[in-house]
């Protein structure tokens, strides 16, 4: 994982350091439906609000998404099976943010915008000072329309628990014998989002 992150971080820093007529900053918000809703103290949660910051340089693209997750979903996403005691341990029941850090390519064929990214994710739980948690992996595909300084898009984000799991799934696309299974795995984990973006 570290071998992949270091070159990507260097590439992003170089893009930030070099001023260019092709450089652009994005700010936006997203809406993600929750299948079946998630119960919380305030009732059922049918959608998740997200915050978006991105930087592009030519076709190179880097973004940070922060999704405001309800307590029930954080508990489910951070729970784990304790193999020593042979029992399932629920995660903390508190709201938090699912942070997605991605890099990739973005192509604009006015007004069409198409992008693909991969990266890592991390969950930050509200008032959790333990510093626990682990990094997972993301794969995102999106397309939308741009109208001057604003636009909207529909994206699908597949979240994997680890980089090896994502790499194995992507390798599966290359072989005819495992292609259907890999496509199914990506499709089952693909979460759709509607994004509103402002360009600067």
Protein backbone atom coordinates (compact mmCIF):
# COMPACT_ATOMS: atom_id res chain seq x y z
CA UNK A 1 0.00 0.00 0.00
CA UNK A 2 2.78 2.46 0.94
CA UNK A 3 4.56 1.78 -2.36
CA UNK A 4 1.46 2.97 -4.23
CA UNK A 5 0.65 5.98 -2.04
CA UNK A 6 4.10 7.61 -2.16
CA UNK A 7 4.26 8.05 -5.98
CA UNK A 8 0.65 9.23 -6.05
CA UNK A 9 1.33 11.77 -3.29
CA UNK A 10 4.44 13.05 -5.13
CA UNK A 11 2.44 13.39 -8.37
CA UNK A 12 -0.30 15.32 -6.59
CA UNK A 13 2.22 17.65 -4.88
CA UNK A 14 3.92 18.36 -8.20
CA UNK A 15 0.56 19.22 -9.74
CA UNK A 16 -0.17 21.58 -6.84
CA UNK A 17 3.25 23.23 -7.09
CA UNK A 18 3.15 24.02 -10.79
CA UNK A 19 0.77 26.85 -11.72
CA UNK A 20 -1.05 26.18 -14.93
CA UNK A 21 -3.91 27.45 -17.04
CA UNK A 22 -5.20 23.87 -16.85
CA UNK A 23 -5.35 23.79 -13.02
CA UNK A 24 -8.73 23.93 -11.36
CA UNK A 25 -10.26 23.58 -7.88
CA UNK A 26 -13.64 22.00 -7.17
CA UNK A 27 -15.93 22.36 -4.16
CA UNK A 28 -19.22 20.54 -3.84
CA UNK A 29 -21.70 18.37 -2.03
CA UNK A 30 -23.13 14.93 -2.67
CA UNK A 31 -26.28 12.99 -1.87
CA UNK A 32 -26.08 9.22 -1.42
CA UNK A 33 -29.20 7.09 -0.90
CA UNK A 34 -29.18 4.49 1.89
CA UNK A 35 -30.89 1.28 0.73
CA UNK A 36 -33.73 0.51 3.14
CA UNK A 37 -32.73 3.38 5.43
CA UNK A 38 -30.66 3.13 8.62
CA UNK A 39 -32.18 3.55 12.04
CA UNK A 40 -30.84 6.25 14.32
CA UNK A 41 -31.93 8.08 17.45
CA UNK A 42 -33.78 10.59 15.26
CA UNK A 43 -35.48 7.90 13.14
CA UNK A 44 -34.72 6.42 9.73
CA UNK A 45 -31.87 7.89 7.69
CA UNK A 46 -32.62 7.62 3.96
CA UNK A 47 -29.61 9.49 2.60
CA UNK A 48 -26.06 10.54 3.41
CA UNK A 49 -24.68 14.04 2.84
CA UNK A 50 -21.16 14.32 1.53
CA UNK A 51 -18.63 17.12 1.11
CA UNK A 52 -16.28 17.30 -1.87
CA UNK A 53 -12.93 19.02 -2.47
CA UNK A 54 -10.87 18.31 -5.60
CA UNK A 55 -7.95 19.62 -7.62
CA UNK A 56 -7.24 18.93 -11.26
CA UNK A 57 -4.20 19.65 -13.40
CA UNK A 58 -4.81 18.81 -17.03
CA UNK A 59 -6.39 15.38 -16.92
CA UNK A 60 -4.81 14.48 -13.55
CA UNK A 61 -7.38 14.57 -10.76
CA UNK A 62 -7.27 14.28 -6.97
CA UNK A 63 -10.21 14.47 -4.58
CA UNK A 64 -11.29 14.17 -0.96
CA UNK A 65 -14.84 13.17 -0.09
CA UNK A 66 -16.17 13.23 3.46
CA UNK A 67 -19.49 11.43 3.97
CA UNK A 68 -21.45 12.21 7.15
CA UNK A 69 -22.41 8.74 8.39
CA UNK A 70 -25.12 8.03 11.00
CA UNK A 71 -24.23 6.16 14.19
CA UNK A 72 -25.81 2.88 13.07
CA UNK A 73 -23.75 2.72 9.90
CA UNK A 74 -20.52 3.62 11.72
CA UNK A 75 -21.22 0.82 14.20
CA UNK A 76 -21.80 -1.67 11.36
CA UNK A 77 -18.75 -0.55 9.37
CA UNK A 78 -16.35 -0.67 12.32
CA UNK A 79 -17.62 -3.88 13.90
CA UNK A 80 -15.43 -6.98 13.72
CA UNK A 81 -15.30 -10.66 14.62
CA UNK A 82 -13.15 -11.36 17.70
CA UNK A 83 -11.58 -14.74 16.81
CA UNK A 84 -10.02 -15.19 20.26
CA UNK A 85 -13.35 -15.03 22.10
CA UNK A 86 -15.39 -16.20 19.08
CA UNK A 87 -17.82 -13.28 19.32
CA UNK A 88 -18.85 -10.35 17.12
CA UNK A 89 -17.90 -6.95 18.57
CA UNK A 90 -20.01 -3.97 17.52
CA UNK A 91 -18.20 -0.81 16.55
CA UNK A 92 -18.75 2.45 18.47
CA UNK A 93 -22.33 3.72 18.20
CA UNK A 94 -21.52 7.30 17.25
CA UNK A 95 -21.75 9.39 14.08
CA UNK A 96 -18.64 9.89 12.00
CA UNK A 97 -17.14 10.64 8.61
CA UNK A 98 -16.13 8.19 5.93
CA UNK A 99 -13.18 9.94 4.26
CA UNK A 100 -12.31 8.93 0.69
CA UNK A 101 -8.92 10.08 -0.68
CA UNK A 102 -8.64 9.37 -4.40
CA UNK A 103 -6.49 10.16 -7.45
CA UNK A 104 -7.20 9.48 -11.08
CA UNK A 105 -8.09 10.97 -14.44
CA UNK A 106 -10.77 13.49 -15.44
CA UNK A 107 -11.68 14.27 -19.04
CA UNK A 108 -13.92 17.19 -20.02
CA UNK A 109 -15.56 17.09 -23.45
CA UNK A 110 -17.73 20.15 -22.88
CA UNK A 111 -20.33 19.80 -21.45
CA UNK A 112 -19.58 16.12 -20.65
CA UNK A 113 -17.30 15.33 -17.68
CA UNK A 114 -15.97 11.79 -17.16
CA UNK A 115 -13.68 10.69 -14.34
CA UNK A 116 -12.22 7.55 -12.84
CA UNK A 117 -10.26 7.33 -9.58
CA UNK A 118 -8.80 4.95 -7.07
CA UNK A 119 -7.55 5.61 -3.57
CA UNK A 120 -7.93 4.89 0.10
CA UNK A 121 -10.56 5.46 2.78
CA UNK A 122 -10.61 6.00 6.52
CA UNK A 123 -13.42 6.31 9.06
CA UNK A 124 -13.22 9.08 11.67
CA UNK A 125 -15.63 8.44 14.56
CA UNK A 126 -16.98 11.43 16.50
CA UNK A 127 -15.16 11.90 19.84
CA UNK A 128 -13.19 8.68 19.39
CA UNK A 129 -9.70 9.47 20.68
CA UNK A 130 -8.38 5.92 20.37
CA UNK A 131 -6.99 6.59 16.90
CA UNK A 132 -8.11 3.13 15.83
CA UNK A 133 -9.31 2.07 12.43
CA UNK A 134 -7.62 0.98 9.25
CA UNK A 135 -7.27 2.17 5.69
CA UNK A 136 -9.32 0.53 2.97
CA UNK A 137 -9.43 1.08 -0.79
CA UNK A 138 -11.83 2.82 -3.20
CA UNK A 139 -12.63 2.62 -6.87
CA UNK A 140 -14.80 5.42 -8.34
CA UNK A 141 -16.34 6.01 -11.74
CA UNK A 142 -18.41 9.07 -12.60
CA UNK A 143 -19.93 11.10 -15.40
CA UNK A 144 -21.85 14.33 -15.52
CA UNK A 145 -22.47 17.67 -17.16
CA UNK A 146 -20.72 21.01 -16.62
CA UNK A 147 -22.32 24.40 -17.21
CA UNK A 148 -19.68 27.10 -16.79
CA UNK A 149 -18.80 27.41 -13.09
CA UNK A 150 -21.10 24.62 -11.87
CA UNK A 151 -22.17 21.12 -12.81
CA UNK A 152 -23.60 17.86 -11.57
CA UNK A 153 -22.61 14.23 -11.94
CA UNK A 154 -23.57 10.71 -10.98
CA UNK A 155 -20.79 8.60 -9.50
CA UNK A 156 -20.44 5.07 -8.25
CA UNK A 157 -17.92 4.27 -5.53
CA UNK A 158 -16.88 0.70 -4.70
CA UNK A 159 -15.36 0.54 -1.20
CA UNK A 160 -13.04 -2.37 -0.38
CA UNK A 161 -11.69 -3.28 3.04
CA UNK A 162 -8.09 -3.39 1.77
CA UNK A 163 -5.90 -2.68 -1.26
CA UNK A 164 -5.13 -6.40 -1.80
CA UNK A 165 -8.87 -7.10 -2.00
CA UNK A 166 -9.32 -4.34 -4.60
CA UNK A 167 -6.27 -5.49 -6.61
CA UNK A 168 -7.51 -9.10 -6.63
CA UNK A 169 -10.93 -7.92 -7.84
CA UNK A 170 -9.39 -5.81 -10.63
CA UNK A 171 -7.11 -8.71 -11.65
CA UNK A 172 -10.23 -10.82 -11.94
CA UNK A 173 -11.45 -8.53 -14.75
CA UNK A 174 -8.49 -9.61 -16.89
CA UNK A 175 -9.29 -13.33 -17.00
CA UNK A 176 -12.37 -14.69 -18.79
CA UNK A 177 -12.90 -17.33 -16.07
CA UNK A 178 -13.16 -14.76 -13.24
CA UNK A 179 -14.50 -11.70 -15.11
CA UNK A 180 -18.18 -12.28 -14.25
CA UNK A 181 -17.37 -12.79 -10.58
CA UNK A 182 -15.22 -9.62 -10.47
CA UNK A 183 -17.90 -7.53 -12.19
CA UNK A 184 -20.47 -8.87 -9.72
CA UNK A 185 -18.20 -8.02 -6.75
CA UNK A 186 -17.71 -4.44 -8.00
CA UNK A 187 -21.42 -4.05 -8.77
CA UNK A 188 -22.52 -5.25 -5.33
CA UNK A 189 -20.24 -2.78 -3.55
CA UNK A 190 -20.92 0.16 -5.90
CA UNK A 191 -22.64 3.00 -4.02
CA UNK A 192 -24.31 5.63 -6.26
CA UNK A 193 -24.08 9.35 -5.43
CA UNK A 194 -25.52 12.50 -6.99
CA UNK A 195 -22.94 15.32 -6.89
CA UNK A 196 -23.28 19.09 -7.19
CA UNK A 197 -19.93 20.72 -8.05
CA UNK A 198 -18.67 24.31 -8.29
CA UNK A 199 -15.50 25.00 -10.32
CA UNK A 200 -12.92 27.68 -9.47
